[in-house]
N, C-alpha and C. Protein backbone atom coordinates (compact mmCIF):
# COMPACT_ATOMS: atom_id res chain seq x y z
N MET A 1 135.28 4.65 51.32
CA MET A 1 135.77 4.66 53.74
C MET A 1 135.77 6.94 53.38
N ALA A 2 134.74 7.16 53.97
CA ALA A 2 134.42 7.92 54.84
C ALA A 2 135.96 8.60 55.45
N GLU A 3 135.63 10.28 54.62
CA GLU A 3 137.20 11.33 54.67
C GLU A 3 136.67 12.48 56.20
N VAL A 4 137.22 12.70 56.91
CA VAL A 4 137.19 13.12 58.09
C VAL A 4 137.81 14.48 58.24
N ILE A 5 136.49 15.50 57.83
CA ILE A 5 137.05 17.39 58.01
C ILE A 5 137.53 17.64 59.43
N ARG A 6 138.80 18.31 59.02
CA ARG A 6 138.53 19.16 59.76
C ARG A 6 138.16 20.17 60.34
N PHE A 7 137.27 21.07 61.35
CA PHE A 7 137.41 22.48 61.36
C PHE A 7 137.64 23.07 62.98
N GLU A 8 139.17 22.49 63.07
CA GLU A 8 139.93 23.44 63.89
C GLU A 8 140.01 24.32 63.31
N ASP A 9 140.80 24.23 62.47
CA ASP A 9 141.47 25.94 61.56
C ASP A 9 140.40 26.25 61.39
N ARG A 10 139.07 26.41 60.48
CA ARG A 10 138.13 27.27 60.83
C ARG A 10 138.05 27.65 62.57
N ALA A 11 137.44 26.65 62.84
CA ALA A 11 137.17 27.38 63.93
C ALA A 11 138.05 27.92 65.04
N LEU A 12 139.69 27.38 64.82
CA LEU A 12 140.60 29.01 64.99
C LEU A 12 140.44 30.08 64.81
N LYS A 13 140.36 29.80 63.78
CA LYS A 13 140.22 31.41 63.08
C LYS A 13 139.26 31.89 63.78
N SER A 14 138.29 31.73 63.23
CA SER A 14 136.50 32.41 63.34
C SER A 14 137.04 33.22 64.63
N LEU A 15 138.21 32.18 65.74
CA LEU A 15 137.81 33.02 67.15
C LEU A 15 138.92 34.31 67.88
N ARG A 16 139.67 33.53 66.51
CA ARG A 16 140.32 35.09 66.81
C ARG A 16 140.67 35.95 66.33
N ASP A 17 139.39 35.56 65.23
CA ASP A 17 138.51 37.08 64.65
C ASP A 17 137.82 38.15 65.60
N ARG A 18 137.04 36.88 66.23
CA ARG A 18 136.32 37.41 66.80
C ARG A 18 136.86 38.02 68.04
N LEU A 19 137.77 37.46 68.40
CA LEU A 19 138.65 38.03 69.75
C LEU A 19 139.34 39.36 68.91
N GLY A 20 139.89 40.18 68.12
CA GLY A 20 140.57 41.34 67.26
C GLY A 20 139.24 42.04 67.45
N ALA A 21 138.26 41.61 67.09
CA ALA A 21 136.92 42.78 66.82
C ALA A 21 136.47 43.02 68.63
N ALA A 22 136.29 42.29 69.00
CA ALA A 22 136.57 42.16 71.04
C ALA A 22 137.14 43.39 71.20
N GLU A 23 138.55 43.18 71.54
CA GLU A 23 139.63 43.94 71.96
C GLU A 23 139.70 45.61 71.04
N GLU A 24 139.09 45.46 69.70
CA GLU A 24 139.08 46.54 69.16
C GLU A 24 137.74 47.97 70.01
N ALA A 25 136.45 47.13 69.87
CA ALA A 25 135.67 47.20 70.57
C ALA A 25 135.52 48.10 72.08
N ARG A 26 136.78 46.70 72.64
CA ARG A 26 136.69 47.67 74.19
C ARG A 26 137.74 48.86 73.61
N ASP A 27 138.86 48.80 73.02
CA ASP A 27 139.79 50.31 72.84
C ASP A 27 138.53 50.93 72.65
N ASP A 28 138.07 50.99 71.27
CA ASP A 28 137.07 52.55 71.17
C ASP A 28 135.88 52.76 72.39
N ALA A 29 135.79 52.04 73.54
CA ALA A 29 134.69 52.23 74.41
C ALA A 29 135.75 52.50 75.76
N ILE A 30 137.20 52.50 75.66
CA ILE A 30 137.78 53.03 77.02
C ILE A 30 137.82 54.21 76.03
N ALA A 31 138.54 54.48 75.43
CA ALA A 31 138.59 55.68 74.35
C ALA A 31 137.76 56.89 74.68
N PHE A 32 135.93 56.42 74.96
CA PHE A 32 135.24 57.57 74.43
C PHE A 32 134.94 57.56 76.27
N ALA A 33 134.82 56.53 76.83
CA ALA A 33 135.21 56.80 78.34
C ALA A 33 136.29 58.28 78.58
N ARG A 34 137.11 57.77 78.24
CA ARG A 34 138.37 58.84 78.67
C ARG A 34 137.35 60.51 78.22
N GLY A 35 138.02 60.33 76.62
CA GLY A 35 137.18 61.62 76.37
C GLY A 35 135.25 61.72 76.77
N HIS A 36 134.39 61.60 77.42
CA HIS A 36 133.37 62.02 78.15
C HIS A 36 133.71 61.77 79.57
N SER A 37 134.76 61.46 80.49
CA SER A 37 135.14 62.28 81.47
C SER A 37 135.74 62.80 81.19
N GLY A 38 136.92 63.52 80.16
CA GLY A 38 137.10 65.13 80.43
C GLY A 38 136.68 66.13 80.03
N ALA A 39 135.40 65.86 79.55
CA ALA A 39 134.46 66.62 78.81
C ALA A 39 134.21 66.84 80.00
N THR A 40 133.22 65.83 81.14
CA THR A 40 132.83 66.26 82.15
C THR A 40 133.87 66.90 82.89
N ALA A 41 134.38 66.57 83.54
CA ALA A 41 135.89 67.19 83.72
C ALA A 41 135.70 68.95 83.91
N SER A 42 135.30 68.91 82.29
CA SER A 42 135.79 70.58 81.88
C SER A 42 134.35 71.01 82.44
N ILE A 43 132.99 70.24 81.93
CA ILE A 43 132.18 71.00 82.28
C ILE A 43 132.29 71.50 83.67
N HIS A 44 132.86 70.50 84.57
CA HIS A 44 132.29 70.78 86.04
C HIS A 44 133.41 71.73 86.11
N HIS A 45 134.32 72.11 86.71
CA HIS A 45 135.24 73.07 86.18
C HIS A 45 134.49 74.25 85.70
N ALA A 46 133.78 74.42 84.27
CA ALA A 46 133.34 75.68 84.64
C ALA A 46 132.07 75.80 85.37
N ALA A 47 131.40 75.40 85.59
CA ALA A 47 129.87 75.04 86.44
C ALA A 47 130.91 75.72 87.56
N LEU A 48 131.79 75.54 88.25
CA LEU A 48 132.44 76.05 89.48
C LEU A 48 132.84 77.50 88.83
N SER A 49 133.81 78.06 87.91
CA SER A 49 133.97 78.61 87.60
C SER A 49 132.70 79.80 88.06
N LEU A 50 131.55 79.19 87.10
CA LEU A 50 130.75 80.96 88.02
C LEU A 50 130.53 80.53 89.17
N MET A 51 130.42 79.13 89.96
CA MET A 51 129.61 79.50 91.16
C MET A 51 130.87 80.03 92.77
N ARG A 52 132.23 80.75 91.53
CA ARG A 52 132.79 81.68 92.83
C ARG A 52 132.51 82.93 92.40
N CYS A 53 131.04 83.61 91.52
CA CYS A 53 130.97 84.46 91.50
C CYS A 53 130.45 85.19 92.70
N GLU A 54 130.39 86.40 92.95
CA GLU A 54 129.27 87.15 93.47
C GLU A 54 128.49 88.61 92.73
N SER A 55 129.29 89.29 91.32
CA SER A 55 128.43 89.67 90.92
C SER A 55 127.78 89.57 89.12
N VAL A 56 126.65 89.39 89.23
CA VAL A 56 126.19 89.75 86.95
C VAL A 56 127.49 89.32 86.23
N PRO A 57 128.41 90.24 86.55
CA PRO A 57 129.54 91.43 86.05
C PRO A 57 130.56 89.78 85.74
N CYS A 58 130.77 89.76 86.82
CA CYS A 58 131.35 88.16 87.77
C CYS A 58 131.14 87.70 86.18
N LEU A 59 130.46 86.88 86.41
CA LEU A 59 129.70 86.03 85.56
C LEU A 59 129.87 86.33 83.78
N PHE A 60 129.06 87.05 83.85
CA PHE A 60 129.38 86.89 82.44
C PHE A 60 130.94 87.18 81.84
N ASP A 61 131.87 87.93 82.74
CA ASP A 61 133.32 88.36 82.36
C ASP A 61 133.80 86.53 82.32
N THR A 62 133.88 85.76 83.52
CA THR A 62 134.32 84.43 83.57
C THR A 62 133.63 83.74 82.27
N ILE A 63 132.49 84.13 81.30
CA ILE A 63 132.32 83.10 80.15
C ILE A 63 133.06 84.04 79.55
N VAL A 64 132.95 84.97 79.16
CA VAL A 64 133.95 85.23 77.52
C VAL A 64 135.11 85.18 78.35
N ARG A 65 135.57 85.11 79.63
CA ARG A 65 137.73 85.36 79.63
C ARG A 65 137.35 83.64 79.63
N ASP A 66 137.41 82.98 80.68
CA ASP A 66 137.93 82.12 80.87
C ASP A 66 136.96 80.63 80.67
N TRP A 67 135.74 80.50 79.62
CA TRP A 67 135.99 79.35 79.30
C TRP A 67 136.04 78.93 78.14
N ALA A 68 136.72 79.27 77.51
CA ALA A 68 137.49 79.28 75.96
C ALA A 68 138.42 78.54 76.31
N ARG A 69 139.19 78.75 77.31
CA ARG A 69 140.36 77.76 77.94
C ARG A 69 139.71 76.01 78.82
N LEU A 70 138.85 76.73 79.42
CA LEU A 70 138.46 75.57 80.02
C LEU A 70 138.20 75.01 79.53
N LEU A 71 137.03 74.85 78.10
CA LEU A 71 136.16 74.23 77.99
C LEU A 71 136.23 73.52 76.44
N GLU A 72 138.01 74.34 76.38
CA GLU A 72 139.07 74.19 75.40
C GLU A 72 138.45 74.33 74.39
N VAL A 73 137.48 74.84 74.00
CA VAL A 73 136.45 75.67 72.76
C VAL A 73 137.80 77.51 72.15
N ASP A 74 137.54 77.64 70.86
CA ASP A 74 137.77 78.86 69.73
C ASP A 74 136.87 80.16 70.89
N HIS A 75 136.47 80.39 71.04
CA HIS A 75 135.30 81.39 70.86
C HIS A 75 133.93 81.10 72.54
N THR A 76 134.18 81.92 73.05
CA THR A 76 132.56 81.88 73.94
C THR A 76 132.02 83.73 73.84
N ALA A 77 130.50 83.90 74.21
CA ALA A 77 129.83 84.56 74.23
C ALA A 77 128.80 84.53 74.57
N VAL A 78 127.87 85.30 75.47
CA VAL A 78 126.69 85.28 75.57
C VAL A 78 125.93 85.94 74.82
N ALA A 79 124.90 85.83 74.55
CA ALA A 79 123.58 86.72 73.91
C ALA A 79 122.01 86.55 74.95
N LEU A 80 121.84 87.85 75.56
CA LEU A 80 121.34 88.24 77.04
C LEU A 80 119.77 89.42 75.77
N LYS A 81 118.66 88.46 76.98
CA LYS A 81 117.87 88.70 76.78
C LYS A 81 117.16 89.34 77.80
N ALA A 82 117.12 91.12 78.26
CA ALA A 82 116.70 91.47 79.65
C ALA A 82 116.24 93.47 79.54
N GLY A 83 114.94 93.19 79.83
CA GLY A 83 114.68 94.49 80.34
C GLY A 83 113.85 95.06 78.75
N GLY A 84 113.53 94.06 77.75
CA GLY A 84 113.59 94.49 76.57
C GLY A 84 114.56 94.34 75.47
N LYS A 85 116.16 94.86 76.04
CA LYS A 85 116.18 94.74 74.84
C LYS A 85 117.71 93.31 75.60
N ALA A 86 118.27 93.85 74.02
CA ALA A 86 119.29 92.27 74.35
C ALA A 86 120.67 93.14 73.66
N TYR A 87 121.83 91.81 74.25
CA TYR A 87 123.48 92.28 73.86
C TYR A 87 123.86 91.22 73.96
N ARG A 88 124.79 91.07 73.22
CA ARG A 88 126.21 90.05 73.21
C ARG A 88 127.11 90.64 74.09
N ILE A 89 127.52 89.69 75.21
CA ILE A 89 128.80 90.16 76.10
C ILE A 89 128.99 88.95 75.07
N ASP A 90 130.92 89.70 74.53
CA ASP A 90 131.95 89.07 74.09
C ASP A 90 133.46 89.82 74.73
N GLU A 91 134.16 89.41 74.40
CA GLU A 91 135.73 89.34 74.41
C GLU A 91 136.30 91.16 75.02
N ASP A 92 135.22 90.92 73.41
CA ASP A 92 135.98 92.70 73.02
C ASP A 92 134.51 93.77 73.72
N GLY A 93 133.67 93.07 74.70
CA GLY A 93 132.92 94.21 75.55
C GLY A 93 131.20 93.81 75.60
N ASN A 94 130.25 94.54 75.29
CA ASN A 94 128.90 94.85 74.98
C ASN A 94 128.60 94.78 73.80
N HIS A 95 127.33 94.34 73.26
CA HIS A 95 126.73 94.73 72.23
C HIS A 95 125.45 94.52 71.74
N LEU A 96 125.22 96.40 71.45
CA LEU A 96 122.58 95.61 71.26
C LEU A 96 123.51 94.73 70.34
N LEU A 97 121.94 94.49 70.06
CA LEU A 97 121.52 93.33 69.54
C LEU A 97 120.03 93.51 69.51
N GLU A 98 118.80 93.08 68.06
CA GLU A 98 117.50 92.55 68.32
C GLU A 98 117.34 91.82 69.10
N PRO A 99 116.81 91.83 70.60
CA PRO A 99 116.12 90.54 70.72
C PRO A 99 115.49 89.71 69.95
N ALA A 100 115.13 90.19 68.52
CA ALA A 100 114.60 88.37 67.64
C ALA A 100 115.20 88.32 67.07
N TRP A 101 116.59 88.29 67.68
CA TRP A 101 117.67 87.51 66.97
C TRP A 101 117.51 86.95 67.98
N ILE A 102 117.55 87.10 69.48
CA ILE A 102 118.23 85.40 71.00
C ILE A 102 117.25 84.94 70.21
N THR A 103 115.37 85.69 70.23
CA THR A 103 114.48 84.77 70.07
C THR A 103 114.16 83.43 69.28
N ARG A 104 114.93 84.06 68.01
CA ARG A 104 114.85 83.44 67.00
C ARG A 104 115.59 81.54 67.34
N ALA A 105 116.81 82.25 67.78
CA ALA A 105 118.09 81.28 67.99
C ALA A 105 117.37 79.84 69.06
N MET A 106 116.70 80.78 69.93
CA MET A 106 116.07 80.33 71.26
C MET A 106 114.82 79.12 70.71
N GLY A 107 114.35 79.49 69.33
CA GLY A 107 113.65 78.69 69.29
C GLY A 107 113.05 77.01 69.70
N LEU A 108 114.01 76.45 69.53
CA LEU A 108 114.28 75.15 69.97
C LEU A 108 113.82 74.40 71.72
N GLY A 109 114.57 75.75 72.34
CA GLY A 109 114.85 75.43 73.84
C GLY A 109 115.62 74.36 74.32
N LYS A 110 116.17 73.75 73.75
CA LYS A 110 117.16 72.54 73.91
C LYS A 110 118.39 73.02 72.91
N VAL A 111 119.65 72.58 73.82
CA VAL A 111 120.76 72.80 73.36
C VAL A 111 120.85 72.93 71.70
N GLN A 112 121.32 73.31 71.28
CA GLN A 112 121.56 72.94 69.87
C GLN A 112 123.21 72.94 69.05
N MET A 113 123.98 72.03 68.97
CA MET A 113 125.50 71.38 68.22
C MET A 113 125.39 70.97 67.24
N ARG A 114 125.86 71.91 66.28
CA ARG A 114 126.53 72.00 65.15
C ARG A 114 126.84 71.83 64.05
N ALA A 115 127.84 71.81 63.34
CA ALA A 115 128.89 71.67 62.16
C ALA A 115 127.75 72.80 61.46
N THR A 116 129.00 73.52 60.92
CA THR A 116 128.53 74.96 60.17
C THR A 116 129.49 75.86 58.75
N ASN A 117 129.40 76.03 57.63
CA ASN A 117 129.95 77.04 56.93
C ASN A 117 130.00 78.58 57.73
N HIS A 118 129.08 78.72 58.10
CA HIS A 118 129.12 79.93 59.51
C HIS A 118 127.64 79.53 59.97
N GLY A 119 128.98 80.33 61.62
CA GLY A 119 128.48 80.37 62.87
C GLY A 119 127.00 81.42 62.70
N ASP A 120 126.65 80.58 63.91
CA ASP A 120 125.01 82.38 64.35
C ASP A 120 126.22 83.39 64.11
N PRO A 121 125.09 84.28 63.35
CA PRO A 121 124.69 85.39 63.26
C PRO A 121 124.73 86.17 65.08
N LEU A 122 124.88 85.46 65.46
CA LEU A 122 125.25 86.01 66.95
C LEU A 122 126.35 86.26 67.29
N PHE A 123 127.09 85.64 66.71
CA PHE A 123 128.77 85.58 67.15
C PHE A 123 129.15 86.59 66.89
N GLY A 124 128.21 87.32 65.82
CA GLY A 124 129.02 88.61 65.72
C GLY A 124 130.05 88.93 64.55
N LYS A 125 130.91 89.71 64.50
CA LYS A 125 132.42 89.41 63.49
C LYS A 125 133.02 88.71 63.29
N ILE A 126 132.79 86.85 64.63
CA ILE A 126 133.97 86.07 64.07
C ILE A 126 133.09 85.21 63.45
N ALA A 127 131.89 85.12 63.98
CA ALA A 127 130.57 84.13 62.97
C ALA A 127 131.39 83.53 61.22
N ALA A 128 131.56 84.08 60.39
CA ALA A 128 132.63 84.23 59.34
C ALA A 128 133.27 82.08 59.69
N ARG A 129 133.95 82.49 61.16
CA ARG A 129 135.86 82.04 61.43
C ARG A 129 135.02 80.25 61.51
N ILE A 130 133.87 80.94 62.53
CA ILE A 130 133.17 79.40 63.46
C ILE A 130 132.12 78.25 62.65
N ARG A 131 132.92 77.33 62.95
CA ARG A 131 133.17 75.54 61.77
C ARG A 131 131.74 74.82 62.82
N THR A 132 132.10 75.14 64.05
CA THR A 132 131.08 74.33 65.22
C THR A 132 130.49 74.62 65.94
N GLU A 133 129.60 74.52 66.08
CA GLU A 133 128.88 75.65 67.32
C GLU A 133 127.76 75.23 68.36
N ALA A 134 128.19 75.14 69.09
CA ALA A 134 126.77 75.02 70.76
C ALA A 134 126.43 76.18 70.48
N LEU A 135 124.52 76.19 70.78
CA LEU A 135 124.14 77.30 71.35
C LEU A 135 123.43 76.92 73.01
N ILE A 136 123.69 76.97 74.46
CA ILE A 136 123.12 76.29 75.39
C ILE A 136 121.91 77.86 75.75
N PRO A 137 120.57 77.41 75.77
CA PRO A 137 119.87 78.38 76.57
C PRO A 137 120.50 78.64 78.03
N PHE A 138 119.26 79.92 78.88
CA PHE A 138 119.59 79.72 79.87
C PHE A 138 118.72 80.28 80.16
N GLU A 139 118.01 80.49 81.44
CA GLU A 139 116.65 81.22 81.75
C GLU A 139 116.68 81.63 83.30
N ALA A 140 116.44 83.00 83.46
CA ALA A 140 116.75 83.12 85.25
C ALA A 140 115.90 84.01 85.26
N GLU A 141 114.79 84.47 86.46
CA GLU A 141 113.74 85.18 87.20
C GLU A 141 112.20 84.49 86.43
N LYS A 142 112.40 83.98 85.73
CA LYS A 142 111.16 83.63 84.98
C LYS A 142 110.76 83.76 83.69
N GLY A 143 112.08 83.78 82.91
CA GLY A 143 111.93 84.59 82.32
C GLY A 143 112.39 86.46 81.20
N ARG A 144 112.42 86.32 82.68
CA ARG A 144 112.73 88.29 82.56
C ARG A 144 114.13 88.33 81.97
N LEU A 145 115.41 87.29 82.54
CA LEU A 145 116.92 87.38 82.21
C LEU A 145 116.45 86.12 81.14
N ALA A 146 116.72 86.34 79.75
CA ALA A 146 117.34 84.81 79.02
C ALA A 146 117.95 85.49 78.07
N GLY A 147 118.41 83.95 77.17
CA GLY A 147 119.42 83.76 76.37
C GLY A 147 120.19 82.72 76.47
N LEU A 148 121.21 83.05 75.38
CA LEU A 148 122.19 81.96 75.00
C LEU A 148 123.35 81.82 75.21
N ILE A 149 124.02 80.12 75.66
CA ILE A 149 124.88 80.44 75.73
C ILE A 149 126.02 80.17 74.73
N LEU A 150 127.05 80.94 74.29
CA LEU A 150 127.72 80.17 72.96
C LEU A 150 129.41 80.75 72.40
N LEU A 151 129.20 79.08 72.03
CA LEU A 151 130.57 78.45 72.01
C LEU A 151 130.83 78.42 70.51
N GLY A 152 131.86 78.74 69.90
CA GLY A 152 132.19 78.08 68.49
C GLY A 152 133.99 77.65 68.82
N GLN A 153 133.40 76.80 67.52
CA GLN A 153 135.82 76.65 67.51
C GLN A 153 135.28 76.49 65.92
N GLU A 154 136.35 76.69 65.86
CA GLU A 154 137.32 76.81 64.07
C GLU A 154 137.18 76.24 63.43
N ASP A 155 137.52 75.05 63.56
CA ASP A 155 137.39 73.58 63.21
C ASP A 155 136.52 72.58 63.31
N SER A 156 135.85 71.80 62.14
CA SER A 156 135.23 71.20 62.38
C SER A 156 135.52 69.97 62.90
N LEU A 157 134.25 70.03 63.65
CA LEU A 157 134.66 68.90 65.20
C LEU A 157 133.33 67.61 64.90
N PRO A 158 133.98 66.18 65.05
CA PRO A 158 132.68 65.90 65.73
C PRO A 158 132.08 66.03 67.01
N LEU A 159 130.45 65.75 66.43
CA LEU A 159 129.96 66.61 67.95
C LEU A 159 129.31 65.14 67.94
N ASP A 160 129.16 65.33 69.56
CA ASP A 160 128.81 64.21 71.12
C ASP A 160 127.79 63.74 71.03
N GLY A 161 126.82 64.06 70.57
CA GLY A 161 125.62 64.01 70.39
C GLY A 161 124.72 64.12 71.70
N ALA A 162 123.64 63.32 72.27
CA ALA A 162 122.48 63.49 73.43
C ALA A 162 123.49 63.60 74.89
N HIS A 163 124.90 63.22 74.64
CA HIS A 163 124.83 63.04 76.46
C HIS A 163 126.11 64.41 75.77
N GLY A 164 126.31 64.99 75.53
CA GLY A 164 127.17 66.80 75.19
C GLY A 164 126.50 67.26 75.31
N ALA A 165 125.00 67.44 74.41
CA ALA A 165 123.66 68.21 74.79
C ALA A 165 123.61 68.15 76.23
N LYS A 166 123.39 66.85 76.67
CA LYS A 166 123.08 67.16 78.60
C LYS A 166 124.26 67.74 79.87
N LEU A 167 125.23 67.68 79.11
CA LEU A 167 126.67 68.19 79.67
C LEU A 167 126.46 69.92 79.42
N LEU A 168 126.09 70.31 78.87
CA LEU A 168 126.46 71.59 77.66
C LEU A 168 124.76 72.59 78.33
N ALA A 169 123.25 71.72 78.48
CA ALA A 169 122.43 72.17 78.90
C ALA A 169 122.76 71.93 80.37
N PHE A 170 123.33 71.67 81.45
CA PHE A 170 123.75 71.43 82.59
C PHE A 170 124.41 72.88 82.55
N LEU A 171 124.69 73.19 82.50
CA LEU A 171 126.32 75.20 81.87
C LEU A 171 124.85 75.96 82.12
N GLY A 172 124.59 75.83 81.09
CA GLY A 172 122.72 76.85 80.87
C GLY A 172 122.02 76.10 81.86
N GLU A 173 121.48 76.05 82.79
CA GLU A 173 120.95 75.29 83.75
C GLU A 173 121.76 76.15 85.48
N THR A 174 123.29 75.91 85.35
CA THR A 174 123.55 76.66 85.92
C THR A 174 124.06 78.26 86.70
N LEU A 175 124.32 78.68 84.79
CA LEU A 175 123.98 79.76 84.93
C LEU A 175 123.20 81.18 85.04
N GLY A 176 121.95 80.00 84.73
CA GLY A 176 120.60 79.98 85.11
C GLY A 176 120.54 80.42 86.98
N ALA A 177 120.35 79.15 87.24
CA ALA A 177 120.67 79.66 88.85
C ALA A 177 122.30 81.27 89.06
N MET A 178 123.18 81.12 89.57
CA MET A 178 124.13 82.16 89.33
C MET A 178 123.27 83.36 89.22
N LEU A 179 122.56 83.39 88.11
CA LEU A 179 122.15 85.01 87.87
C LEU A 179 121.13 85.40 89.11
N VAL A 180 120.00 84.41 89.28
CA VAL A 180 119.13 85.03 90.74
C VAL A 180 119.87 84.32 91.82
N ARG A 181 120.85 84.02 91.81
CA ARG A 181 122.04 84.18 93.21
C ARG A 181 122.13 85.31 93.14
N CYS A 182 123.21 85.73 92.32
CA CYS A 182 123.82 87.36 91.55
C CYS A 182 122.42 88.28 91.63
N GLY A 183 122.43 87.75 91.28
CA GLY A 183 121.06 88.78 91.06
C GLY A 183 120.65 89.56 92.38
N ARG A 184 120.40 89.42 93.06
CA ARG A 184 119.80 89.50 94.26
C ARG A 184 120.82 89.84 95.38
N GLY A 185 121.95 89.80 95.47
CA GLY A 185 122.86 90.32 96.09
C GLY A 185 123.54 91.30 96.65
């Protein structure tokens, strides 16, 4: 006589496994969305802080004094080429740089995010402490004023990839537009 094979137990276990995987994927998607939403809000707050400025010095002061808090990073600075000269503007003031350093760092023409054992030399004396960095290019006045926004973190952090780079590029574009506006005023 034929024996009846019971598939219910195996089917039920398979459905439970699939449900567990779906719930885990849902939780991951929610966590990503919350993190992305927070990053987007931080970027928007940083951009709005620039829009409140009425002078070029105010723009740079806002970046080096306020953005670390707004963007939740350890260090912020600006590397700037203007009139054949180059400068790093950071919380300690203005420092002369070799223009070639900025040209080299801007070589890719896009946001560069990386984990590192030593930050880019453009960070100056704090470069040795930088473990995660973002170099964000900006340009104003058809290239007569150009440079990089420097964001540095002393911890090694996972990088957000294309989404994060687009958000950071928005900050560079905002700074470029504000330099044009404030430079005319």
